[in-house]
N, C-alpha and C. Protein backbone atom coordinates (compact mmCIF):
# COMPACT_ATOMS: atom_id res chain seq x y z
N MET A 1 -17.04 3.11 -9.00
CA MET A 1 -18.34 3.52 -9.48
C MET A 1 -18.40 3.24 -10.97
N LYS A 2 -19.48 2.66 -11.40
CA LYS A 2 -19.62 2.34 -12.82
C LYS A 2 -20.55 3.31 -13.52
N TRP A 3 -21.69 3.62 -12.91
CA TRP A 3 -22.65 4.51 -13.54
C TRP A 3 -23.11 5.52 -12.50
N LEU A 4 -23.16 6.77 -12.89
CA LEU A 4 -23.65 7.83 -12.02
C LEU A 4 -25.08 8.13 -12.43
N HIS A 5 -25.99 8.01 -11.48
CA HIS A 5 -27.40 8.23 -11.77
C HIS A 5 -27.85 9.60 -11.28
N THR A 6 -27.53 9.93 -10.02
CA THR A 6 -27.90 11.24 -9.47
C THR A 6 -26.82 11.72 -8.52
N ILE A 7 -26.81 13.00 -8.27
CA ILE A 7 -25.94 13.61 -7.27
C ILE A 7 -26.83 14.39 -6.32
N THR A 8 -26.63 14.18 -5.02
CA THR A 8 -27.41 14.88 -4.01
C THR A 8 -26.45 15.65 -3.11
N ALA A 9 -26.65 16.95 -2.99
CA ALA A 9 -25.85 17.78 -2.08
C ALA A 9 -26.60 17.86 -0.76
N GLN A 10 -25.86 17.60 0.35
CA GLN A 10 -26.49 17.67 1.66
C GLN A 10 -25.47 18.16 2.68
N ALA A 11 -25.94 18.75 3.75
CA ALA A 11 -25.09 19.35 4.77
C ALA A 11 -24.48 18.31 5.71
N GLU A 12 -25.09 17.16 5.85
CA GLU A 12 -24.61 16.14 6.78
C GLU A 12 -24.08 14.93 6.02
N PRO A 13 -23.25 14.10 6.68
CA PRO A 13 -22.73 12.91 6.02
C PRO A 13 -23.86 11.97 5.58
N SER A 14 -23.61 11.23 4.55
CA SER A 14 -24.60 10.28 4.04
C SER A 14 -24.89 9.20 5.07
N ASP A 15 -26.13 8.72 5.09
CA ASP A 15 -26.50 7.64 6.00
C ASP A 15 -26.56 6.30 5.28
N ASN A 16 -26.07 6.24 4.03
CA ASN A 16 -26.08 4.95 3.34
C ASN A 16 -25.12 4.00 4.05
N PHE A 17 -25.32 2.71 3.89
CA PHE A 17 -24.56 1.69 4.60
C PHE A 17 -23.06 1.88 4.46
N TYR A 18 -22.58 2.11 3.25
CA TYR A 18 -21.14 2.18 3.02
C TYR A 18 -20.51 3.36 3.73
N GLN A 19 -21.12 4.53 3.66
CA GLN A 19 -20.57 5.70 4.32
C GLN A 19 -20.78 5.68 5.83
N ALA A 20 -21.91 5.17 6.28
CA ALA A 20 -22.23 5.19 7.71
C ALA A 20 -21.59 4.04 8.48
N ARG A 21 -21.32 2.91 7.82
CA ARG A 21 -20.85 1.75 8.56
C ARG A 21 -19.65 1.05 7.94
N SER A 22 -19.63 0.91 6.65
CA SER A 22 -18.58 0.11 6.04
C SER A 22 -17.25 0.86 5.91
N TYR A 23 -17.26 2.05 5.34
CA TYR A 23 -16.03 2.79 5.07
C TYR A 23 -15.64 3.68 6.24
N LYS A 24 -15.37 3.05 7.39
CA LYS A 24 -14.96 3.76 8.60
C LYS A 24 -13.67 3.15 9.12
N SER A 25 -12.85 3.98 9.71
CA SER A 25 -11.61 3.54 10.31
C SER A 25 -11.63 3.90 11.79
N PHE A 26 -10.94 3.09 12.60
CA PHE A 26 -10.91 3.29 14.05
C PHE A 26 -9.48 3.20 14.55
N PRO A 27 -9.19 3.75 15.75
CA PRO A 27 -7.85 3.65 16.32
C PRO A 27 -7.45 2.19 16.56
N PRO A 28 -6.15 1.92 16.68
CA PRO A 28 -5.67 0.55 16.83
C PRO A 28 -6.24 -0.20 18.04
N ASP A 29 -6.64 0.52 19.09
CA ASP A 29 -7.11 -0.15 20.30
C ASP A 29 -8.61 -0.46 20.30
N VAL A 30 -9.32 -0.10 19.25
CA VAL A 30 -10.76 -0.35 19.17
C VAL A 30 -11.01 -1.65 18.40
N THR A 31 -11.82 -2.54 18.97
CA THR A 31 -12.17 -3.79 18.30
C THR A 31 -13.53 -3.63 17.62
N ALA A 32 -13.89 -4.60 16.79
CA ALA A 32 -15.17 -4.56 16.09
C ALA A 32 -16.33 -4.52 17.08
N GLY A 33 -16.20 -5.25 18.18
CA GLY A 33 -17.27 -5.28 19.18
C GLY A 33 -17.42 -3.99 19.95
N GLU A 34 -16.38 -3.19 20.01
CA GLU A 34 -16.40 -1.93 20.76
C GLU A 34 -16.68 -0.71 19.88
N ALA A 35 -16.72 -0.90 18.59
CA ALA A 35 -16.83 0.23 17.66
C ALA A 35 -18.14 0.99 17.83
N VAL A 36 -18.01 2.31 17.95
CA VAL A 36 -19.16 3.22 17.91
C VAL A 36 -19.09 3.85 16.53
N TRP A 37 -19.93 3.38 15.62
CA TRP A 37 -19.81 3.71 14.21
C TRP A 37 -19.87 5.21 13.94
N GLU A 38 -20.62 5.95 14.71
CA GLU A 38 -20.73 7.40 14.50
C GLU A 38 -19.40 8.10 14.81
N ARG A 39 -18.53 7.46 15.59
CA ARG A 39 -17.25 8.08 15.96
C ARG A 39 -16.10 7.66 15.05
N GLY A 40 -16.35 6.72 14.15
CA GLY A 40 -15.30 6.29 13.24
C GLY A 40 -14.95 7.38 12.25
N THR A 41 -13.74 7.32 11.75
CA THR A 41 -13.29 8.28 10.74
C THR A 41 -13.70 7.78 9.37
N THR A 42 -14.40 8.62 8.62
CA THR A 42 -14.81 8.24 7.26
C THR A 42 -13.59 8.20 6.35
N LEU A 43 -13.49 7.16 5.54
CA LEU A 43 -12.38 7.06 4.60
C LEU A 43 -12.53 8.13 3.54
N GLU A 44 -11.45 8.83 3.28
CA GLU A 44 -11.48 9.89 2.27
C GLU A 44 -10.29 9.75 1.34
N GLU A 45 -9.19 10.40 1.68
CA GLU A 45 -8.03 10.42 0.78
C GLU A 45 -7.29 9.09 0.79
N VAL A 46 -6.92 8.61 -0.38
CA VAL A 46 -6.14 7.38 -0.51
C VAL A 46 -4.75 7.59 0.08
N ALA A 47 -4.26 6.61 0.83
CA ALA A 47 -2.91 6.69 1.41
C ALA A 47 -1.90 6.21 0.37
N ILE A 48 -0.69 6.78 0.40
CA ILE A 48 0.37 6.30 -0.49
C ILE A 48 0.65 4.85 -0.13
N ASN A 49 0.90 4.04 -1.14
CA ASN A 49 1.10 2.63 -0.88
C ASN A 49 1.87 1.98 -2.03
N SER A 50 2.65 0.97 -1.71
CA SER A 50 3.26 0.11 -2.71
C SER A 50 3.22 -1.31 -2.19
N VAL A 51 3.11 -2.25 -3.12
CA VAL A 51 2.95 -3.66 -2.78
C VAL A 51 3.84 -4.51 -3.68
N ILE A 52 4.49 -5.50 -3.09
CA ILE A 52 5.24 -6.49 -3.86
C ILE A 52 4.26 -7.59 -4.27
N CYS A 53 4.12 -7.79 -5.57
CA CYS A 53 3.21 -8.84 -6.07
C CYS A 53 3.94 -10.14 -6.40
N ARG A 54 5.15 -10.03 -6.91
CA ARG A 54 5.96 -11.19 -7.28
C ARG A 54 7.37 -10.97 -6.83
N PRO A 55 8.01 -11.89 -6.16
CA PRO A 55 7.49 -13.18 -5.74
C PRO A 55 6.54 -13.05 -4.55
N LEU A 56 5.80 -14.10 -4.29
CA LEU A 56 4.86 -14.13 -3.19
C LEU A 56 5.59 -14.37 -1.87
N ASP A 57 4.97 -13.96 -0.77
CA ASP A 57 5.54 -14.20 0.55
C ASP A 57 5.71 -15.71 0.77
N GLY A 58 6.90 -16.12 1.19
CA GLY A 58 7.18 -17.52 1.44
C GLY A 58 7.60 -18.32 0.22
N GLU A 59 7.65 -17.68 -0.94
CA GLU A 59 7.98 -18.38 -2.18
C GLU A 59 9.46 -18.74 -2.24
N ARG A 60 9.74 -19.86 -2.88
CA ARG A 60 11.12 -20.26 -3.17
C ARG A 60 11.48 -19.75 -4.57
N VAL A 61 12.63 -19.12 -4.69
CA VAL A 61 13.09 -18.61 -5.98
C VAL A 61 14.48 -19.16 -6.26
N SER A 62 14.89 -19.12 -7.50
CA SER A 62 16.24 -19.54 -7.87
C SER A 62 17.22 -18.44 -7.51
N ALA A 63 18.34 -18.81 -6.90
CA ALA A 63 19.38 -17.84 -6.58
C ALA A 63 19.89 -17.23 -7.88
N GLY A 64 20.36 -16.00 -7.80
CA GLY A 64 20.85 -15.29 -8.97
C GLY A 64 19.97 -14.09 -9.26
N SER A 65 19.80 -13.77 -10.53
CA SER A 65 19.01 -12.61 -10.93
C SER A 65 17.51 -12.92 -10.80
N VAL A 66 16.83 -12.12 -9.98
CA VAL A 66 15.41 -12.34 -9.70
C VAL A 66 14.65 -11.07 -10.02
N ARG A 67 13.52 -11.21 -10.73
CA ARG A 67 12.66 -10.06 -11.05
C ARG A 67 11.64 -9.91 -9.93
N ILE A 68 11.59 -8.72 -9.34
CA ILE A 68 10.63 -8.36 -8.31
C ILE A 68 9.68 -7.35 -8.93
N SER A 69 8.37 -7.50 -8.72
CA SER A 69 7.42 -6.56 -9.33
C SER A 69 6.26 -6.29 -8.40
N GLY A 70 5.59 -5.16 -8.66
CA GLY A 70 4.44 -4.78 -7.84
C GLY A 70 3.75 -3.56 -8.41
N TYR A 71 3.01 -2.89 -7.53
CA TYR A 71 2.29 -1.68 -7.93
C TYR A 71 2.36 -0.65 -6.82
N ALA A 72 2.08 0.61 -7.15
CA ALA A 72 2.10 1.71 -6.18
C ALA A 72 1.09 2.77 -6.59
N ILE A 73 0.60 3.51 -5.59
CA ILE A 73 -0.27 4.66 -5.84
C ILE A 73 0.12 5.76 -4.85
N GLY A 74 0.04 7.01 -5.28
CA GLY A 74 0.41 8.13 -4.44
C GLY A 74 -0.72 8.59 -3.52
N LYS A 75 -0.37 9.35 -2.50
CA LYS A 75 -1.36 9.88 -1.56
C LYS A 75 -2.37 10.75 -2.30
N GLY A 76 -3.63 10.51 -2.04
CA GLY A 76 -4.67 11.30 -2.69
C GLY A 76 -4.64 11.19 -4.20
N GLY A 77 -4.07 10.11 -4.71
CA GLY A 77 -4.01 9.90 -6.15
C GLY A 77 -2.85 10.58 -6.84
N ARG A 78 -1.92 11.17 -6.09
CA ARG A 78 -0.79 11.84 -6.73
C ARG A 78 0.06 10.84 -7.51
N ALA A 79 0.79 11.32 -8.48
CA ALA A 79 1.66 10.46 -9.28
C ALA A 79 2.82 9.96 -8.42
N ILE A 80 3.29 8.77 -8.72
CA ILE A 80 4.43 8.17 -8.02
C ILE A 80 5.72 8.74 -8.58
N ARG A 81 6.62 9.19 -7.70
CA ARG A 81 7.94 9.67 -8.12
C ARG A 81 8.92 8.51 -8.20
N ARG A 82 8.91 7.63 -7.17
CA ARG A 82 9.82 6.49 -7.18
C ARG A 82 9.33 5.39 -6.24
N VAL A 83 9.76 4.18 -6.55
CA VAL A 83 9.57 3.02 -5.68
C VAL A 83 10.95 2.46 -5.42
N GLU A 84 11.23 2.16 -4.16
CA GLU A 84 12.52 1.59 -3.79
C GLU A 84 12.31 0.19 -3.24
N LEU A 85 13.28 -0.67 -3.49
CA LEU A 85 13.21 -2.05 -3.07
C LEU A 85 14.46 -2.41 -2.29
N SER A 86 14.27 -3.10 -1.18
CA SER A 86 15.38 -3.60 -0.39
C SER A 86 15.32 -5.12 -0.38
N THR A 87 16.49 -5.75 -0.44
CA THR A 87 16.56 -7.21 -0.36
C THR A 87 17.10 -7.67 0.99
N ASN A 88 17.33 -6.71 1.89
CA ASN A 88 17.91 -7.03 3.20
C ASN A 88 17.20 -6.30 4.33
N ALA A 89 15.87 -6.34 4.31
CA ALA A 89 15.02 -5.79 5.38
C ALA A 89 15.16 -4.28 5.56
N GLY A 90 15.62 -3.57 4.55
CA GLY A 90 15.69 -2.12 4.62
C GLY A 90 17.06 -1.56 4.94
N ALA A 91 18.09 -2.40 4.98
CA ALA A 91 19.44 -1.90 5.24
C ALA A 91 19.97 -1.10 4.05
N THR A 92 19.70 -1.56 2.82
CA THR A 92 20.09 -0.84 1.61
C THR A 92 18.91 -0.87 0.64
N TRP A 93 18.92 0.08 -0.30
CA TRP A 93 17.78 0.23 -1.21
C TRP A 93 18.23 0.35 -2.66
N THR A 94 17.40 -0.15 -3.57
CA THR A 94 17.57 -0.04 -5.01
C THR A 94 16.32 0.63 -5.57
N THR A 95 16.49 1.55 -6.50
CA THR A 95 15.34 2.18 -7.13
C THR A 95 14.78 1.27 -8.20
N ALA A 96 13.49 0.98 -8.11
CA ALA A 96 12.82 0.14 -9.10
C ALA A 96 12.48 0.98 -10.33
N ASP A 97 12.23 0.30 -11.43
CA ASP A 97 11.80 0.96 -12.66
C ASP A 97 10.28 1.05 -12.67
N LEU A 98 9.75 2.26 -12.93
CA LEU A 98 8.31 2.41 -13.11
C LEU A 98 7.97 1.95 -14.52
N VAL A 99 6.91 1.17 -14.66
CA VAL A 99 6.48 0.65 -15.95
C VAL A 99 5.43 1.60 -16.51
N GLY A 100 5.73 2.23 -17.62
CA GLY A 100 4.80 3.20 -18.20
C GLY A 100 4.93 4.54 -17.52
N LYS A 101 4.06 5.44 -17.90
CA LYS A 101 4.08 6.81 -17.39
C LYS A 101 3.38 6.87 -16.04
N SER A 102 3.98 7.56 -15.08
CA SER A 102 3.36 7.76 -13.77
C SER A 102 2.39 8.93 -13.87
N GLU A 103 1.13 8.65 -13.63
CA GLU A 103 0.09 9.67 -13.74
C GLU A 103 -0.75 9.69 -12.48
N PRO A 104 -1.39 10.83 -12.16
CA PRO A 104 -2.27 10.89 -10.99
C PRO A 104 -3.40 9.87 -11.10
N TRP A 105 -3.82 9.37 -9.94
CA TRP A 105 -4.94 8.44 -9.81
C TRP A 105 -4.75 7.13 -10.57
N ARG A 106 -3.50 6.76 -10.77
CA ARG A 106 -3.22 5.53 -11.50
C ARG A 106 -2.39 4.60 -10.63
N TRP A 107 -2.77 3.31 -10.60
CA TRP A 107 -1.91 2.31 -9.99
C TRP A 107 -0.71 2.17 -10.92
N ASN A 108 0.46 2.47 -10.42
CA ASN A 108 1.68 2.42 -11.22
C ASN A 108 2.38 1.09 -11.01
N LEU A 109 2.61 0.36 -12.09
CA LEU A 109 3.37 -0.88 -12.00
C LEU A 109 4.85 -0.55 -11.89
N TRP A 110 5.60 -1.39 -11.16
CA TRP A 110 7.04 -1.21 -11.05
C TRP A 110 7.71 -2.58 -11.07
N GLN A 111 9.01 -2.56 -11.37
CA GLN A 111 9.78 -3.81 -11.36
C GLN A 111 11.24 -3.50 -11.11
N ALA A 112 11.94 -4.49 -10.61
CA ALA A 112 13.38 -4.38 -10.39
C ALA A 112 13.99 -5.76 -10.55
N ARG A 113 15.20 -5.81 -11.03
CA ARG A 113 15.92 -7.08 -11.13
C ARG A 113 17.05 -6.98 -10.11
N VAL A 114 17.11 -7.97 -9.21
CA VAL A 114 18.09 -7.96 -8.13
C VAL A 114 18.81 -9.30 -8.08
N GLU A 115 19.99 -9.29 -7.51
CA GLU A 115 20.76 -10.52 -7.31
C GLU A 115 20.49 -11.04 -5.90
N LEU A 116 20.05 -12.29 -5.83
CA LEU A 116 19.81 -12.92 -4.53
C LEU A 116 20.70 -14.15 -4.40
N GLY A 117 21.53 -14.16 -3.35
CA GLY A 117 22.33 -15.34 -3.05
C GLY A 117 21.46 -16.37 -2.37
N ALA A 118 21.97 -17.57 -2.23
CA ALA A 118 21.23 -18.63 -1.56
C ALA A 118 20.92 -18.22 -0.12
N GLY A 119 19.71 -18.55 0.33
CA GLY A 119 19.30 -18.23 1.71
C GLY A 119 18.02 -17.43 1.75
N ARG A 120 17.65 -17.02 2.97
CA ARG A 120 16.43 -16.23 3.18
C ARG A 120 16.70 -14.75 2.91
N HIS A 121 15.70 -14.10 2.32
CA HIS A 121 15.81 -12.67 2.04
C HIS A 121 14.52 -11.98 2.44
N ALA A 122 14.66 -10.82 3.09
CA ALA A 122 13.51 -10.01 3.50
C ALA A 122 13.36 -8.87 2.50
N LEU A 123 12.45 -9.03 1.54
CA LEU A 123 12.20 -8.00 0.53
C LEU A 123 11.27 -6.94 1.12
N VAL A 124 11.57 -5.68 0.84
CA VAL A 124 10.77 -4.56 1.35
C VAL A 124 10.60 -3.55 0.23
N ALA A 125 9.36 -3.03 0.08
CA ALA A 125 9.10 -1.99 -0.91
C ALA A 125 8.55 -0.75 -0.22
N ARG A 126 8.95 0.40 -0.72
CA ARG A 126 8.42 1.68 -0.23
C ARG A 126 8.31 2.64 -1.41
N ALA A 127 7.31 3.51 -1.36
CA ALA A 127 7.07 4.45 -2.46
C ALA A 127 7.11 5.89 -1.96
N THR A 128 7.42 6.80 -2.88
CA THR A 128 7.37 8.24 -2.63
C THR A 128 6.62 8.85 -3.80
N ASP A 129 5.70 9.78 -3.51
CA ASP A 129 4.93 10.39 -4.60
C ASP A 129 5.52 11.74 -4.99
N GLU A 130 4.89 12.40 -5.96
CA GLU A 130 5.40 13.64 -6.53
C GLU A 130 5.47 14.79 -5.53
N ASP A 131 4.71 14.71 -4.42
CA ASP A 131 4.76 15.76 -3.38
C ASP A 131 5.68 15.40 -2.23
N GLY A 132 6.40 14.27 -2.36
CA GLY A 132 7.33 13.85 -1.31
C GLY A 132 6.69 13.01 -0.21
N ASN A 133 5.42 12.67 -0.33
CA ASN A 133 4.79 11.78 0.66
C ASN A 133 5.41 10.40 0.52
N ALA A 134 5.79 9.80 1.64
CA ALA A 134 6.44 8.49 1.63
C ALA A 134 5.71 7.54 2.57
N GLN A 135 5.78 6.27 2.25
CA GLN A 135 5.19 5.25 3.12
C GLN A 135 5.92 5.22 4.45
N PRO A 136 5.18 5.02 5.54
CA PRO A 136 5.84 4.89 6.83
C PRO A 136 6.48 3.50 6.96
N GLU A 137 7.58 3.43 7.70
CA GLU A 137 8.25 2.15 7.89
C GLU A 137 7.36 1.16 8.65
N ARG A 138 6.71 1.64 9.68
CA ARG A 138 5.86 0.78 10.51
C ARG A 138 4.42 1.28 10.47
N GLY A 139 3.50 0.42 10.79
CA GLY A 139 2.09 0.80 10.72
C GLY A 139 1.34 0.65 12.02
N ASP A 140 2.06 0.58 13.15
CA ASP A 140 1.41 0.37 14.43
C ASP A 140 0.28 1.37 14.68
N ALA A 141 0.51 2.63 14.39
CA ALA A 141 -0.50 3.67 14.64
C ALA A 141 -1.61 3.64 13.59
N LEU A 142 -1.39 2.92 12.48
CA LEU A 142 -2.37 2.87 11.40
C LEU A 142 -3.33 1.70 11.54
N TRP A 143 -2.92 0.66 12.28
CA TRP A 143 -3.71 -0.56 12.32
C TRP A 143 -5.12 -0.29 12.82
N ASN A 144 -6.10 -0.92 12.18
CA ASN A 144 -7.49 -0.89 12.65
C ASN A 144 -8.12 -2.22 12.27
N PHE A 145 -9.15 -2.62 12.99
CA PHE A 145 -9.70 -3.95 12.81
C PHE A 145 -10.26 -4.21 11.42
N LYS A 146 -10.52 -3.17 10.65
CA LYS A 146 -11.01 -3.37 9.28
C LYS A 146 -9.85 -3.43 8.28
N GLY A 147 -8.67 -3.03 8.70
CA GLY A 147 -7.51 -3.09 7.82
C GLY A 147 -7.40 -1.93 6.85
N TYR A 148 -8.29 -0.95 6.95
CA TYR A 148 -8.28 0.17 6.01
C TYR A 148 -7.08 1.08 6.20
N MET A 149 -6.60 1.60 5.08
CA MET A 149 -5.55 2.62 5.00
C MET A 149 -4.19 2.13 5.49
N TRP A 150 -4.01 0.82 5.62
CA TRP A 150 -2.71 0.26 6.02
C TRP A 150 -1.73 0.49 4.89
N ASN A 151 -0.62 1.17 5.18
CA ASN A 151 0.32 1.46 4.11
C ASN A 151 1.77 1.45 4.57
N ALA A 152 2.07 0.68 5.61
CA ALA A 152 3.47 0.54 6.02
C ALA A 152 4.26 -0.15 4.91
N TRP A 153 5.58 -0.04 4.98
CA TRP A 153 6.43 -0.71 3.99
C TRP A 153 5.93 -2.13 3.80
N HIS A 154 5.81 -2.56 2.56
CA HIS A 154 5.37 -3.93 2.30
C HIS A 154 6.56 -4.87 2.38
N ARG A 155 6.36 -5.98 3.09
CA ARG A 155 7.45 -6.94 3.34
C ARG A 155 7.06 -8.33 2.84
N VAL A 156 8.02 -8.98 2.18
CA VAL A 156 7.83 -10.33 1.67
C VAL A 156 9.11 -11.11 1.96
N ALA A 157 8.97 -12.30 2.53
CA ALA A 157 10.13 -13.17 2.79
C ALA A 157 10.21 -14.21 1.69
N VAL A 158 11.42 -14.41 1.14
CA VAL A 158 11.63 -15.44 0.13
C VAL A 158 12.86 -16.27 0.49
N GLU A 159 12.89 -17.46 -0.08
CA GLU A 159 14.04 -18.35 0.10
C GLU A 159 14.64 -18.58 -1.27
N ALA A 160 15.93 -18.25 -1.43
CA ALA A 160 16.62 -18.46 -2.69
C ALA A 160 17.49 -19.70 -2.58
N SER A 161 17.45 -20.55 -3.61
CA SER A 161 18.29 -21.75 -3.59
C SER A 161 18.80 -22.05 -5.00
């Protein structure tokens, strides 16, 4: 939101396009063609999430010391307590460094420097916020045709040479 012009208090949900149709989530088995918009769940609280931004999925990197970076946000805007990074599909974890102060309602940047030997590596990031909310490993129950609120561990495959 950039500018607030008016506030209207009402007993029923808004019928504007975004609230009535756009910002809705559905169970994994519902397709866009089957959606009954009045039955969708209105998006409200932000889900905890972390994302690997660098390197990109499928990118080739030089073997050795590699900088991995991304961002995270806590559930409902809570401050991030930690972000962990795995270079082996979640078998072991390293705590990433948060860049700057972790504050509520802020996308928190993070980074880690890891050693990657030659070959394929499955990078995985997961976050935990100040209340102990953590990203789920899998997102099967979260999937919906609009992609909203997806927050399973973020995975990126890289090739080191």
